[in-house]
Every structure is written in structure tokens, then in C-alpha cells.
Amino acid sequence: MEENIIIKEDATDRISELPECIIENILLRLDKPKERVRVSVLSKKWFALTASLPVLKFLFSDFTDEEDWISNRDVRDNFYNYVKHTVSRFCRQQNTKIALTFKLLTVVGDNTELDIIEKCLELILMRGVKVLDICIKKSRKSNCQPMYRLRDMLSSASTLTSLQISDCVMLPSSLMVDVVNFKSLKALSLNRVPLNPLVIKHLTASCPLLQDLVVECCYGFKKFCVYGQNLKTLRFIDYNGKGIEAIDIEAPNLCECLLSVGQGRGATSVILGSCKQLRTLYLDGPFFQTSIGFADFLSNFPFLENLSLCLVNRRNILAVSSPSLRNFVLYDECDLEEIDMNTPNLHQFRYSNSWNCSKGEFIKESELKTCMECHIINKVDTLWLLKLRRFMEKANIFKILKLYNLYGRLSVDSEVLKVTQLPPYELEHVELNLPIRHVLPVLDGLLWCLRPRSLSLTSGFSRISDEERNHFLKCISKRLIQQEDQGPTNIRIEWSLPSKDRIYFSWSSVLTALTHNEMTQTVTFRKEGPDTDEGQRWRKKYQRQRFKQVQGSLGR
């Protein structure tokens, strides 16, 4: 007997039963407006939540792929209608949460669009927005694009925690005279906007919780003054070509400071005397033209750990003295002989005579020993190697040397280095990154100045023949062995690839792992013998033989 099986359809709306927090999380992950509109039709609950999302982001780039945004009037109309509709719909919701974020990145073609921006901002500010980001981009074709001045009611937005203003936007004129009510503001960023000289000082002094301040490429002032009792990080960049006369920062709790100024008609004076807690400092521009002025300036920071310098038009020897300094980055065309360092706790030093390495970045403390890293272009010759050896001996703190990006003119005469009869400076490790055609002549001169326990070379070894590669390995191994006069020394050769964290002990195994995208490989030569247990016995035996030879010569 067949049984009748009745299957009841489950009419439960599983999507609508999801908790609101999960639906909001899903909606917030959808960046583009079209995606949110599509999912809003899933249910009435989803539709209502799309209207009450606390994060409102309006990016004109989501509506067009054209480079010049202002040229298409229809796209602009669609965008501003969407902004006006979404903001008004959000503000009409009952029991709506506080607007956490309002971000607007757009262009303006006429005053009608400015009116829409102004009305939307007024509604959002009344809702207690916390994060406000407004950027009105300049058009490439319109020379008379209108500027938008923020309304005075912005200065009374007590709920704001973060404020970012960029391009064709002006701050309220009331900020110069009225009391600012930014009680909750912690982060302020101003980019490419006109500034009155008194606005920044008045603004920072009126924000008791301000911790992060960014002022980039703004204009309309010659002096930059900041007062911030709780300011932690400061980033000031000025490249308007006219230069800044003076920078005065009074922030006793400042920990990180970046000051970058373009070349003007003269030097820029900088005062950071009250910033005793400073840990990280970047200086780029015509700040100090004498070593005495910089030495006095640096003595104000007893806890400074990271220092990056690019001092334009510097005339004298650069003297850096800091007992607390750990990382030092120097961009300068000066000779190594012009650098005088008194940094007993320095861990890493990067020196570059060009802009080929990332500006303002510190080397991660991955090395256990004190390391010097050089990026040199067009200056690696016999004289430079001699100066490098003298500099390392004078500093007497470095155990590892890294030479990168040695491009341009490379001219080394080993015979000249032999005549100097200076003993090679001993290091634990040396790293070289060179074009394959320059490796042997540069390395031969380098090994007359330095004596490393291990040596790593990164170059295009796959571009040369097997015969050339074997000759290359034999020459370097022989040269390294010639440096050791304390018993027999073996050379262990290791290969590695940039994409793989693995060591290979033969070129054939490297070829097996090599991909077509990997143009460079690294070979490491390690000296084995004197520093091992067996090597210690050979060293003692060599010392006894040498002692007998000396005794015999004295007896004769």
C-alpha cells in the first residue's frame, strides 16, 4: 500500500528573520549604491534598514568611469538626486541611530549642486554625525569652479570625532573668532584647502581631545603654528613653491612628527622645544643650514628613537648625536666623511644619495645586529669605497652592510686600494644587489676594504651561461678564502629565490624551482672553519706555529 507523503512548503522568510546587526553588517560591506538597491528589495525589513544605515558614503566615481567628472551633466544630476534622496530618507526615519559617518567625494558644476550639499550637511550635522569627510575635486576643464564654504554651524558640532576636508572646500569664517565646540574631535585632516594663518592655531587650541593632525598642501599662510595639549601625531606637508618662513609646534605629548617643506627663498625655522616626548621625527626641507643649529635642535628630544632627514641646502658637516636613537634614515648627497654620528644605541642606518628608496620609511628591525644600508647611484668608485671603510671604522658599531640599487657609473680600481695598505674592516655579513656585469669588479674592490664572514649577492644569474656562472662562483670563493690567514677555510654556497623561503645547495635545484617571472636570484657564500670547533683548533695550531716562527726570527 502506497503511503501518501505530503510535503509542506516552509513559507518562513529566513532572510527577514536575520538579526538587524547581521543585516547591517552585510549592507555595510556593499560599497556601491547599485548593490544596496538590489538587496533592498529582498524584504521590507532590508529596505527599511538600507534607509537607516549609519554610514553614508557618496562617491561620484561610483556613477561614472569618465576621467573628467564635470563634463557629463546627466551623471551629475543622477548623483545629486541620489544624495538628496538618501540623506532625506535617512533623516525621516523614526528612532534613527546617530549618523556615524558621512563621506562625500564629488565635483560641483553650479550653485544648485552647492545648495544640495549645504542642505544635506545641515541635516547630517543635526543628526550628530561623528565622522565627516568632504572632498570636492577640481575639474580639469573648468577654470571657474565655485568654492564651497562650510557653514558656521560646523563649529558647534560637538559630536564630531573625525573631520577631513579636501580641495574646493573652505573652512567656516567663524573659526577665526568664535568659540569652537569640537569637544569630541580626535582627528583633523586638511588637504589642499586655503587656510588663514590664525585658523590652525585657534582650531587646535580649541580641541581638547585632538590627537591626530594632518595639513597637506594647503595655502594662504607663511607661518604654521600649532598648539595641542593632547596632540600625538602631526603631519605637515607644504609644496606650494613659495616656502614656509617658520614652524612653531607646542605639543608636550607629541610622539610622531612629519614636516616636509618645499624650497622657498630661504631657510625655514622650526621650533619643537616643548615636544619632549617625541619618538619619531621626519624632516624634509631647508630647515638647518649649519650643524650647530641642528645639534641644538636634536638635543631637545631625549626619547627620540626614529629619525629621517632630508635637509636641503645644508652647508656644513652633519652631526647627529642622540643616545636614544634606534633608526636613522638619511637622504643626502653628502660624502660619508661629512657625517658625524654619536649614536651608541643605533640599530639600523639607511643612507641614500637619491630618491630611489621609499621616502620617510624606516627599516624594520629584522636584523639582530647593527646594520647599515646604502642606496647609491652614480658614485660607487674607488674613492667612495675608501670613504665607506673609514666611515664604518669611525662609527665602529656596524656588523651588517647592505648595498642596494648600485646603478649608474661604477668604477673601481682594486690596485689603488691595495696601495693604501689599510686592513679590511671586519663584518659579520655583507649584502650586494648589483647588475651581473658589475659584480666582479665592484666586489673585488669591496673585499679589499671589508672582510665579511658571509656574503650575499642578488643579481640575474639565470641570464648567464653555466660556464660564466661557475667561473663567477670560483672567483668569489677564492677571493674570500684569500682573506683568511688563520687556518683552512671552506666556503659553503647557498642559493635562494625572492618568492620562496627556502635554501638550495645547487644551481640545478634552483632551476627546478625557478619561475619565468623571477629575474633575480641570491647566492650566499659562508666561510666555515675558524669560527667552528674544528676551526678553533686550527686557529690555536696556527698561532703556535706563528709564535715559533717569531721566536726563531728573534733568535737569529
Protein backbone atom coordinates (compact mmCIF):
# COMPACT_ATOMS: atom_id res chain seq x y z
CA MET A 1 0.00 0.00 0.00
CA GLU A 2 1.47 3.24 -1.07
CA GLU A 3 1.68 5.93 1.54
CA ASN A 4 0.75 9.44 0.60
CA ILE A 5 3.58 11.74 1.60
CA ILE A 6 2.57 15.32 1.97
CA ILE A 7 5.39 17.88 1.85
CA LYS A 8 4.51 21.20 3.36
CA GLU A 9 6.27 24.21 1.97
CA ASP A 10 8.12 26.31 4.52
CA ALA A 11 6.87 29.84 3.99
CA THR A 12 9.13 31.32 6.66
CA ASP A 13 11.03 34.39 5.48
CA ARG A 14 14.50 33.37 6.63
CA ILE A 15 16.14 36.47 5.21
CA SER A 16 13.87 38.81 7.16
CA GLU A 17 14.46 36.85 10.36
CA LEU A 18 18.17 37.63 10.36
CA PRO A 19 19.18 39.87 13.27
CA GLU A 20 19.49 43.54 12.40
CA CYS A 21 23.16 43.64 13.32
CA ILE A 22 23.93 40.92 10.74
CA ILE A 23 21.88 42.65 8.02
CA GLU A 24 23.63 45.94 8.75
CA ASN A 25 27.00 44.21 8.56
CA ILE A 26 26.09 42.79 5.14
CA LEU A 27 24.86 46.13 3.85
CA LEU A 28 27.94 47.98 5.05
CA ARG A 29 30.12 45.60 3.03
CA LEU A 30 28.36 46.70 -0.15
CA ASP A 31 30.23 49.79 -1.25
CA LYS A 32 28.36 50.78 -4.39
CA PRO A 33 24.80 52.22 -4.37
CA LYS A 34 23.55 49.83 -7.07
CA GLU A 35 24.44 46.83 -4.91
CA ARG A 36 22.50 48.20 -1.93
CA VAL A 37 19.46 48.99 -4.09
CA ARG A 38 19.39 45.44 -5.39
CA VAL A 39 19.48 43.78 -1.96
CA SER A 40 16.95 46.23 -0.50
CA VAL A 41 14.16 44.50 -2.45
CA LEU A 42 14.71 41.24 -0.59
CA SER A 43 12.22 42.23 2.09
CA LYS A 44 10.59 45.22 3.76
CA LYS A 45 12.96 44.83 6.69
CA TRP A 46 16.01 45.05 4.42
CA PHE A 47 14.50 48.03 2.62
CA ALA A 48 13.95 49.85 5.92
CA LEU A 49 17.48 49.09 7.14
CA THR A 50 19.08 50.44 3.96
CA ALA A 51 17.43 53.75 4.77
CA SER A 52 18.71 53.80 8.35
CA LEU A 53 22.31 52.73 7.81
CA PRO A 54 24.53 54.95 9.99
CA VAL A 55 27.28 55.08 7.33
CA LEU A 56 26.52 57.37 4.38
CA LYS A 57 29.13 57.32 1.60
CA PHE A 58 28.64 59.15 -1.69
CA LEU A 59 31.42 58.72 -4.24
CA PHE A 60 30.95 60.26 -7.66
CA SER A 61 33.30 57.63 -9.10
CA ASP A 62 30.59 55.01 -8.46
CA PHE A 63 28.38 56.73 -11.07
CA THR A 64 30.84 57.21 -13.93
CA ASP A 65 34.04 55.86 -15.44
CA GLU A 66 34.97 59.11 -17.16
CA GLU A 67 38.15 60.89 -16.08
CA ASP A 68 36.59 64.36 -16.20
CA TRP A 69 33.60 64.09 -13.89
CA ILE A 70 32.16 67.54 -14.51
CA SER A 71 31.59 67.15 -18.26
CA ASN A 72 28.51 64.88 -18.03
CA ARG A 73 25.54 66.84 -16.70
CA ASP A 74 23.17 63.83 -16.68
CA VAL A 75 25.52 61.82 -14.45
CA ARG A 76 25.84 64.76 -12.07
CA ASP A 77 22.05 65.12 -11.86
CA ASN A 78 21.64 61.41 -11.08
CA PHE A 79 24.33 61.57 -8.43
CA TYR A 80 22.97 64.62 -6.60
CA ASN A 81 19.40 63.29 -6.76
CA TYR A 82 20.64 60.10 -5.15
CA VAL A 83 22.49 62.04 -2.43
CA LYS A 84 19.47 64.24 -1.68
CA HIS A 85 17.04 61.30 -1.63
CA THR A 86 19.23 59.07 0.56
CA VAL A 87 20.01 61.76 3.15
CA SER A 88 16.39 62.96 3.43
CA ARG A 89 15.17 59.35 3.67
CA PHE A 90 17.69 58.65 6.42
CA CYS A 91 16.67 61.73 8.41
CA ARG A 92 12.95 60.91 8.10
CA GLN A 93 13.37 57.57 9.83
CA GLN A 94 11.93 57.31 13.33
CA ASN A 95 14.34 56.31 16.09
CA THR A 96 17.21 56.52 13.64
CA LYS A 97 20.65 55.90 15.01
CA ILE A 98 23.26 58.65 15.03
CA ALA A 99 24.92 59.15 11.65
CA LEU A 100 28.32 57.65 12.35
CA THR A 101 29.93 58.55 9.00
CA PHE A 102 29.16 60.98 6.18
CA LYS A 103 31.62 60.89 3.26
CA LEU A 104 31.17 62.96 0.09
CA LEU A 105 33.61 62.81 -2.83
CA THR A 106 32.29 64.72 -5.81
CA VAL A 107 32.57 67.65 -8.23
CA VAL A 108 30.47 70.81 -8.38
CA GLY A 109 29.32 72.43 -11.61
CA ASP A 110 26.92 75.11 -10.39
CA ASN A 111 25.35 76.71 -7.32
CA THR A 112 22.34 74.34 -7.41
CA GLU A 113 24.62 71.44 -6.57
CA LEU A 114 26.25 73.50 -3.82
CA ASP A 115 22.79 74.09 -2.32
CA ILE A 116 22.13 70.34 -2.24
CA ILE A 117 25.44 69.76 -0.44
CA GLU A 118 24.66 72.50 2.07
CA LYS A 119 21.16 71.17 2.87
CA CYS A 120 22.41 67.60 3.26
CA LEU A 121 25.23 68.71 5.56
CA GLU A 122 22.80 70.68 7.71
CA LEU A 123 20.57 67.62 8.15
CA ILE A 124 23.52 65.35 8.93
CA LEU A 125 25.04 67.75 11.45
CA MET A 126 21.70 67.92 13.24
CA ARG A 127 21.78 64.11 13.47
CA GLY A 128 25.05 64.22 15.42
CA VAL A 129 27.48 62.89 12.80
CA LYS A 130 30.77 61.55 14.16
CA VAL A 131 32.96 61.18 11.07
CA LEU A 132 32.74 63.86 8.37
CA ASP A 133 34.77 63.63 5.14
CA ILE A 134 34.14 66.18 2.35
CA CYS A 135 36.15 66.38 -0.85
CA ILE A 136 35.07 68.48 -3.84
CA LYS A 137 37.53 67.71 -6.61
CA LYS A 138 38.74 70.33 -9.04
CA SER A 139 37.73 69.91 -12.66
CA ARG A 140 40.43 69.73 -15.33
CA LYS A 141 38.32 71.71 -17.79
CA SER A 142 36.59 74.28 -15.58
CA ASN A 143 38.76 77.23 -14.50
CA CYS A 144 35.93 79.00 -12.67
CA GLN A 145 34.73 76.16 -10.48
CA PRO A 146 32.89 77.51 -7.41
CA MET A 147 34.37 77.04 -3.94
CA TYR A 148 32.17 75.77 -1.16
CA ARG A 149 32.47 77.36 2.28
CA LEU A 150 31.28 75.20 5.14
CA ARG A 151 28.52 76.70 7.23
CA ASP A 152 29.22 78.24 10.63
CA MET A 153 27.12 75.58 12.33
CA LEU A 154 30.03 73.16 11.75
CA SER A 155 31.99 74.86 14.54
CA SER A 156 29.33 73.76 17.03
CA ALA A 157 29.32 70.07 16.00
CA SER A 158 30.17 68.68 19.42
CA THR A 159 29.73 65.03 18.34
CA LEU A 160 32.42 65.11 15.62
CA THR A 161 35.35 62.77 16.30
CA SER A 162 36.97 62.96 12.86
CA LEU A 163 36.92 65.77 10.26
CA GLN A 164 38.55 65.66 6.82
CA ILE A 165 38.26 68.50 4.27
CA SER A 166 39.86 68.49 0.81
CA ASP A 167 40.18 70.55 -2.38
CA CYS A 168 37.45 73.13 -3.26
CA VAL A 169 36.18 73.46 0.30
CA MET A 170 36.77 76.35 2.70
CA LEU A 171 36.52 76.30 6.47
CA PRO A 172 33.84 78.45 8.15
CA SER A 173 34.95 82.05 8.66
CA SER A 174 33.69 81.84 12.25
CA LEU A 175 36.62 79.58 13.20
CA MET A 176 38.89 82.64 13.47
CA VAL A 177 36.83 84.48 16.05
CA ASP A 178 34.11 82.31 17.56
CA VAL A 179 34.48 79.66 20.23
CA VAL A 180 34.88 76.24 18.59
CA ASN A 181 32.79 73.49 20.14
CA PHE A 182 34.73 70.46 18.87
CA LYS A 183 34.63 68.75 22.26
CA SER A 184 34.96 65.24 20.81
CA LEU A 185 37.27 65.85 17.82
CA LYS A 186 40.26 63.49 17.82
CA ALA A 187 41.40 63.55 14.18
CA LEU A 188 41.61 66.54 11.80
CA SER A 189 42.84 66.40 8.19
CA LEU A 190 43.05 69.38 5.81
CA ASN A 191 44.20 68.81 2.22
CA ARG A 192 44.72 71.43 -0.49
CA VAL A 193 42.41 74.00 1.11
CA PRO A 194 43.00 77.73 1.77
CA LEU A 195 43.92 78.49 5.37
CA ASN A 196 44.16 81.67 7.38
CA PRO A 197 47.36 81.74 9.49
CA LEU A 198 45.36 82.05 12.72
CA VAL A 199 42.82 79.32 11.98
CA ILE A 200 45.07 76.32 12.71
CA LYS A 201 46.39 77.71 15.98
CA HIS A 202 42.92 78.72 17.15
CA LEU A 203 41.41 75.44 15.97
CA THR A 204 43.97 73.14 17.60
CA ALA A 205 43.89 75.10 20.85
CA SER A 206 40.08 74.75 20.98
CA CYS A 207 40.02 70.94 20.57
CA PRO A 208 40.92 69.40 23.95
CA LEU A 209 40.90 65.79 22.65
CA LEU A 210 42.68 66.33 19.31
CA GLN A 211 45.32 63.63 18.81
CA ASP A 212 45.98 63.40 15.05
CA LEU A 213 46.51 66.43 12.80
CA VAL A 214 47.25 66.36 9.05
CA VAL A 215 47.79 69.52 6.97
CA GLU A 216 48.86 68.76 3.41
CA CYS A 217 49.45 71.15 0.50
CA CYS A 218 47.29 73.93 1.96
CA TYR A 219 47.95 77.56 1.02
CA GLY A 220 47.45 81.14 2.17
CA PHE A 221 49.97 81.31 5.03
CA LYS A 222 53.70 81.78 5.66
CA LYS A 223 53.80 80.62 9.27
CA PHE A 224 52.45 77.37 10.64
CA CYS A 225 51.67 77.43 14.36
CA VAL A 226 50.06 74.60 16.32
CA TYR A 227 49.10 74.26 19.94
CA GLY A 228 47.76 70.90 21.09
CA GLN A 229 47.87 69.70 24.64
CA ASN A 230 46.96 66.10 23.74
CA LEU A 231 48.30 66.01 20.16
CA LYS A 232 50.05 62.68 19.44
CA THR A 233 50.81 62.72 15.71
CA LEU A 234 51.37 65.65 13.32
CA ARG A 235 51.86 65.55 9.55
CA PHE A 236 52.58 68.84 7.75
CA ILE A 237 53.44 68.92 4.03
CA ASP A 238 53.83 72.11 2.02
CA TYR A 239 54.77 72.05 -1.66
CA ASN A 240 53.26 75.30 -2.96
CA GLY A 241 56.67 76.53 -4.15
CA LYS A 242 56.70 79.71 -2.07
CA GLY A 243 58.11 78.14 1.07
CA ILE A 244 57.26 78.49 4.75
CA GLU A 245 59.07 81.02 6.92
CA ALA A 246 58.51 79.44 10.32
CA ILE A 247 57.00 76.37 12.01
CA ASP A 248 56.15 76.54 15.69
CA ILE A 249 54.73 73.44 17.39
CA GLU A 250 53.76 73.46 21.05
CA ALA A 251 52.58 69.94 21.88
CA PRO A 252 54.05 68.42 25.05
CA ASN A 253 52.61 64.94 24.31
CA LEU A 254 53.57 64.75 20.63
CA CYS A 255 55.05 61.33 19.73
CA GLU A 256 55.35 61.41 15.93
CA CYS A 257 56.01 64.44 13.72
CA LEU A 258 56.49 64.77 9.94
CA LEU A 259 57.48 68.15 8.49
CA SER A 260 58.03 68.45 4.74
CA VAL A 261 58.54 71.87 3.18
CA GLY A 262 59.37 72.85 -0.41
CA GLN A 263 62.31 75.07 -1.23
CA GLY A 264 61.49 78.74 -0.89
CA ARG A 265 63.68 81.80 -0.84
CA GLY A 266 65.37 80.96 2.45
CA ALA A 267 65.59 78.55 5.36
CA THR A 268 62.55 77.57 7.40
CA SER A 269 62.92 77.99 11.15
CA VAL A 270 61.37 75.21 13.20
CA ILE A 271 60.60 75.18 16.94
CA LEU A 272 59.67 71.93 18.68
CA GLY A 273 61.23 72.66 22.05
CA SER A 274 58.20 71.63 24.12
CA CYS A 275 57.84 68.22 22.40
CA LYS A 276 59.92 66.32 24.94
CA GLN A 277 58.03 63.03 24.37
CA LEU A 278 58.85 62.86 20.66
CA ARG A 279 59.75 59.34 19.47
CA THR A 280 59.64 59.65 15.67
CA LEU A 281 60.70 62.67 13.58
CA TYR A 282 60.72 63.22 9.80
CA LEU A 283 62.34 66.39 8.44
CA ASP A 284 62.37 67.18 4.73
CA GLY A 285 63.25 70.68 3.53
CA PRO A 286 65.53 73.71 4.08
CA PHE A 287 65.41 73.56 7.88
CA PHE A 288 69.02 73.70 9.09
CA GLN A 289 71.97 75.01 7.12
CA THR A 290 74.56 74.64 9.90
CA SER A 291 75.47 71.64 12.03
CA ILE A 292 75.36 73.68 15.25
CA GLY A 293 71.72 74.64 14.77
CA PHE A 294 70.70 71.06 14.09
CA ALA A 295 72.70 69.69 17.04
CA ASP A 296 71.00 72.12 19.43
CA PHE A 297 67.61 71.23 17.94
CA LEU A 298 68.16 67.47 18.29
CA SER A 299 69.18 67.78 21.94
CA ASN A 300 65.58 68.72 22.82
CA PHE A 301 64.33 65.14 22.35
CA PRO A 302 65.71 62.76 25.00
CA PHE A 303 63.47 59.84 23.91
CA LEU A 304 63.85 60.09 20.12
CA GLU A 305 64.07 56.61 18.55
CA ASN A 306 63.40 57.15 14.82
CA LEU A 307 64.89 59.96 12.71
CA SER A 308 64.50 60.59 8.97
CA LEU A 309 66.37 63.52 7.42
CA CYS A 310 66.47 65.23 4.05
CA LEU A 311 67.96 68.65 4.75
CA VAL A 312 68.02 70.81 1.62
CA ASN A 313 70.88 73.30 1.06
CA ARG A 314 72.86 72.02 4.04
CA ARG A 315 76.35 73.55 4.06
CA ASN A 316 78.38 72.02 6.89
CA ILE A 317 79.13 68.63 8.38
CA LEU A 318 76.04 66.79 9.58
CA ALA A 319 76.47 65.96 13.27
CA VAL A 320 73.89 63.57 14.75
CA SER A 321 74.16 62.94 18.48
CA SER A 322 71.43 61.03 20.32
CA PRO A 323 71.85 58.30 22.95
CA SER A 324 68.28 57.03 22.40
CA LEU A 325 68.26 56.85 18.58
CA ARG A 326 67.50 53.38 17.16
CA ASN A 327 66.72 54.01 13.46
CA PHE A 328 68.29 56.70 11.29
CA VAL A 329 67.35 57.37 7.64
CA LEU A 330 69.37 59.97 5.71
CA TYR A 331 68.67 61.27 2.20
CA ASP A 332 71.62 63.45 1.27
CA GLU A 333 74.19 63.84 -1.49
CA CYS A 334 76.94 64.47 1.05
CA ASP A 335 80.02 62.28 1.34
CA LEU A 336 80.24 59.80 4.16
CA GLU A 337 83.14 61.85 5.51
CA GLU A 338 80.68 64.71 6.18
CA ILE A 339 78.56 62.58 8.55
CA ASP A 340 79.50 62.57 12.22
CA MET A 341 77.39 60.20 14.33
CA ASN A 342 77.37 59.74 18.09
CA THR A 343 74.56 57.18 18.44
CA PRO A 344 75.66 54.34 20.75
CA ASN A 345 72.27 52.57 20.65
CA LEU A 346 71.69 52.83 16.90
CA HIS A 347 70.30 49.63 15.40
CA GLN A 348 69.83 50.48 11.72
CA PHE A 349 71.14 53.25 9.48
CA ARG A 350 69.90 53.85 5.91
CA TYR A 351 71.83 56.21 3.67
CA SER A 352 70.76 57.25 0.17
CA ASN A 353 72.07 59.87 -2.22
CA SER A 354 68.94 59.70 -4.39
CA TRP A 355 65.15 59.23 -4.24
CA ASN A 356 65.23 55.62 -5.31
CA CYS A 357 64.14 54.18 -1.96
CA SER A 358 60.88 54.91 -0.15
CA LYS A 359 60.98 58.32 1.46
CA GLY A 360 60.20 58.54 5.15
CA GLU A 361 60.09 54.79 5.73
CA PHE A 362 62.08 53.14 8.48
CA ILE A 363 63.73 49.78 8.16
CA LYS A 364 62.03 47.09 10.21
CA GLU A 365 64.25 45.83 12.99
CA SER A 366 64.57 42.35 11.49
CA GLU A 367 68.33 42.15 11.99
CA LEU A 368 69.75 41.17 15.33
CA LYS A 369 72.97 43.09 14.74
CA THR A 370 73.59 46.76 13.92
CA CYS A 371 73.00 47.25 10.20
CA MET A 372 73.96 49.92 7.64
CA GLU A 373 72.00 50.07 4.37
CA CYS A 374 73.19 52.14 1.38
CA HIS A 375 71.32 53.14 -1.79
CA ILE A 376 73.88 54.81 -4.05
CA ILE A 377 73.62 55.95 -7.67
CA ASN A 378 76.50 57.19 -9.86
CA LYS A 379 79.02 57.46 -7.03
CA VAL A 380 80.38 53.97 -6.43
CA ASP A 381 84.07 54.22 -7.28
CA THR A 382 87.43 53.60 -5.64
CA LEU A 383 87.31 56.77 -3.55
CA TRP A 384 83.77 56.02 -2.33
CA LEU A 385 84.79 52.56 -1.13
CA LEU A 386 87.69 54.08 0.80
CA LYS A 387 85.33 56.58 2.41
CA LEU A 388 82.90 53.78 3.26
CA ARG A 389 85.65 51.82 5.01
CA ARG A 390 86.79 54.85 7.01
CA PHE A 391 83.21 55.72 7.95
CA MET A 392 82.50 52.22 9.25
CA GLU A 393 85.73 52.19 11.23
CA LYS A 394 84.96 55.62 12.69
CA ALA A 395 81.40 54.63 13.68
CA ASN A 396 82.61 51.23 14.93
CA ILE A 397 79.10 49.91 15.57
CA PHE A 398 78.04 48.17 12.34
CA LYS A 399 78.08 44.39 11.92
CA ILE A 400 75.99 44.10 8.73
CA LEU A 401 76.29 46.10 5.50
CA LYS A 402 73.67 46.17 2.72
CA LEU A 403 74.42 47.84 -0.62
CA TYR A 404 71.35 48.22 -2.84
CA ASN A 405 70.50 49.93 -6.12
CA LEU A 406 74.10 50.50 -7.16
CA TYR A 407 73.30 51.76 -10.62
CA GLY A 408 74.84 54.27 -12.99
CA ARG A 409 78.57 54.92 -13.05
CA LEU A 410 80.51 52.13 -11.29
CA SER A 411 84.29 52.41 -11.49
CA VAL A 412 86.52 50.57 -9.01
CA ASP A 413 90.31 50.14 -9.29
CA SER A 414 91.48 47.38 -6.94
CA GLU A 415 95.15 48.23 -7.49
CA VAL A 416 94.66 51.65 -5.90
CA LEU A 417 93.00 50.02 -2.89
CA LYS A 418 95.93 47.64 -2.48
CA VAL A 419 98.38 50.56 -2.29
CA THR A 420 96.55 52.08 0.70
CA GLN A 421 97.55 49.01 2.79
CA LEU A 422 94.60 49.56 5.13
CA PRO A 423 93.44 46.35 6.83
CA PRO A 424 89.89 45.37 5.79
CA TYR A 425 87.15 46.27 8.25
CA GLU A 426 85.63 43.11 9.73
CA LEU A 427 81.89 42.50 9.37
CA GLU A 428 79.62 39.58 10.01
CA HIS A 429 77.62 39.89 6.80
CA VAL A 430 77.51 41.89 3.55
CA GLU A 431 74.63 42.03 1.07
CA LEU A 432 75.01 43.29 -2.50
CA ASN A 433 72.36 43.99 -5.13
CA LEU A 434 74.12 44.60 -8.46
CA PRO A 435 73.69 44.14 -12.21
CA ILE A 436 75.56 40.97 -13.13
CA ARG A 437 78.13 42.81 -15.30
CA HIS A 438 79.33 44.92 -12.35
CA VAL A 439 79.54 42.21 -9.67
CA LEU A 440 83.16 41.06 -10.01
CA PRO A 441 84.92 44.46 -10.36
CA VAL A 442 82.91 46.06 -7.53
CA LEU A 443 83.19 43.02 -5.30
CA ASP A 444 86.95 42.75 -5.81
CA GLY A 445 87.38 46.33 -4.62
CA LEU A 446 84.91 45.88 -1.79
CA LEU A 447 86.75 42.86 -0.38
CA TRP A 448 89.94 44.91 -0.16
CA CYS A 449 88.06 47.27 2.19
CA LEU A 450 85.81 44.84 4.06
CA ARG A 451 86.20 41.34 5.48
CA PRO A 452 82.79 39.68 5.94
CA ARG A 453 82.09 36.26 7.47
CA SER A 454 79.32 35.79 4.91
CA LEU A 455 78.41 37.45 1.63
CA SER A 456 75.08 37.53 -0.27
CA LEU A 457 74.77 38.65 -3.90
CA THR A 458 71.47 39.31 -5.64
CA SER A 459 71.60 39.55 -9.42
CA GLY A 460 70.37 37.98 -12.67
CA PHE A 461 72.38 34.75 -12.53
CA SER A 462 69.92 32.95 -14.79
CA ARG A 463 70.89 35.28 -17.66
CA ILE A 464 74.46 34.00 -17.94
CA SER A 465 75.80 30.66 -19.15
CA ASP A 466 76.80 27.74 -16.91
CA GLU A 467 80.46 28.34 -17.71
CA GLU A 468 80.25 32.02 -16.75
CA ARG A 469 78.34 31.18 -13.57
CA ASN A 470 80.90 28.57 -12.46
CA HIS A 471 83.76 30.97 -13.15
CA PHE A 472 81.92 33.62 -11.18
CA LEU A 473 81.45 31.33 -8.13
CA LYS A 474 85.09 30.18 -8.19
CA CYS A 475 86.45 33.71 -8.37
CA ILE A 476 84.41 34.93 -5.40
CA SER A 477 85.14 31.83 -3.30
CA LYS A 478 88.87 32.17 -3.99
CA ARG A 479 88.82 35.86 -3.09
CA LEU A 480 87.00 35.16 0.19
CA ILE A 481 89.45 32.39 1.12
CA GLN A 482 92.40 34.71 0.44
CA GLN A 483 91.12 36.99 3.21
CA GLU A 484 91.54 34.26 5.81
CA ASP A 485 95.05 33.70 7.14
CA GLN A 486 94.13 31.83 10.31
CA GLY A 487 93.94 28.22 9.16
CA PRO A 488 91.98 26.45 6.40
CA THR A 489 88.61 27.89 5.42
CA ASN A 490 85.82 26.27 3.44
CA ILE A 491 83.15 28.20 1.52
CA ARG A 492 79.57 26.95 1.65
CA ILE A 493 77.40 28.18 -1.21
CA GLU A 494 73.64 28.61 -0.77
CA TRP A 495 71.05 29.73 -3.32
CA SER A 496 67.68 31.35 -2.62
CA LEU A 497 64.79 32.89 -4.56
CA PRO A 498 62.80 36.03 -3.68
CA SER A 499 59.47 34.18 -3.85
CA LYS A 500 60.44 31.17 -1.72
CA ASP A 501 61.61 30.92 1.87
CA ARG A 502 63.96 28.06 1.16
CA ILE A 503 67.67 27.38 0.67
CA TYR A 504 69.06 25.45 -2.31
CA PHE A 505 72.55 23.97 -2.40
CA SER A 506 72.93 23.55 -6.16
CA TRP A 507 72.04 25.53 -9.28
CA SER A 508 70.13 22.58 -10.71
CA SER A 509 67.72 22.64 -7.75
CA VAL A 510 67.31 26.39 -8.27
CA LEU A 511 66.35 25.83 -11.90
CA THR A 512 63.69 23.35 -10.83
CA ALA A 513 62.02 25.93 -8.55
CA LEU A 514 62.61 28.93 -10.82
CA THR A 515 59.56 30.58 -12.40
CA HIS A 516 59.54 32.70 -15.57
CA ASN A 517 58.76 35.86 -13.52
CA GLU A 518 61.83 35.59 -11.28
CA MET A 519 64.61 37.59 -12.93
CA THR A 520 66.97 37.66 -9.94
CA GLN A 521 68.45 35.07 -7.62
CA THR A 522 70.55 35.31 -4.47
CA VAL A 523 73.73 33.36 -3.80
CA THR A 524 75.26 33.36 -0.31
CA PHE A 525 78.88 32.48 0.50
CA ARG A 526 79.53 31.40 4.08
CA LYS A 527 83.02 30.97 5.49
CA GLU A 528 83.39 27.83 7.57
CA GLY A 529 86.41 26.83 9.58
CA PRO A 530 87.97 29.24 12.08
CA ASP A 531 84.79 30.02 13.99
CA THR A 532 83.65 26.39 14.39
CA ASP A 533 85.04 23.92 16.98
CA GLU A 534 87.33 22.48 14.36
CA GLY A 535 88.26 25.97 13.29
CA GLN A 536 89.22 26.93 16.83
CA ARG A 537 91.70 24.03 16.90
CA TRP A 538 93.17 25.16 13.59
CA ARG A 539 93.43 28.73 14.89
CA LYS A 540 95.37 27.62 18.01
CA LYS A 541 97.63 25.46 15.87
CA TYR A 542 98.25 28.41 13.51
CA GLN A 543 99.01 30.73 16.44
CA ARG A 544 101.54 28.21 17.87
CA GLN A 545 103.27 27.90 14.51
CA ARG A 546 103.34 31.68 14.13
CA PHE A 547 104.78 32.05 17.65
CA LYS A 548 107.61 29.62 16.85
CA GLN A 549 108.40 31.49 13.64
CA VAL A 550 108.64 34.80 15.53
CA GLN A 551 110.85 33.23 18.19
CA GLY A 552 113.13 31.78 15.52
CA SER A 553 113.49 35.14 13.77
CA LEU A 554 114.36 36.83 17.07
CA GLY A 555 116.98 34.16 17.87
CA ARG A 556 118.70 34.74 14.57
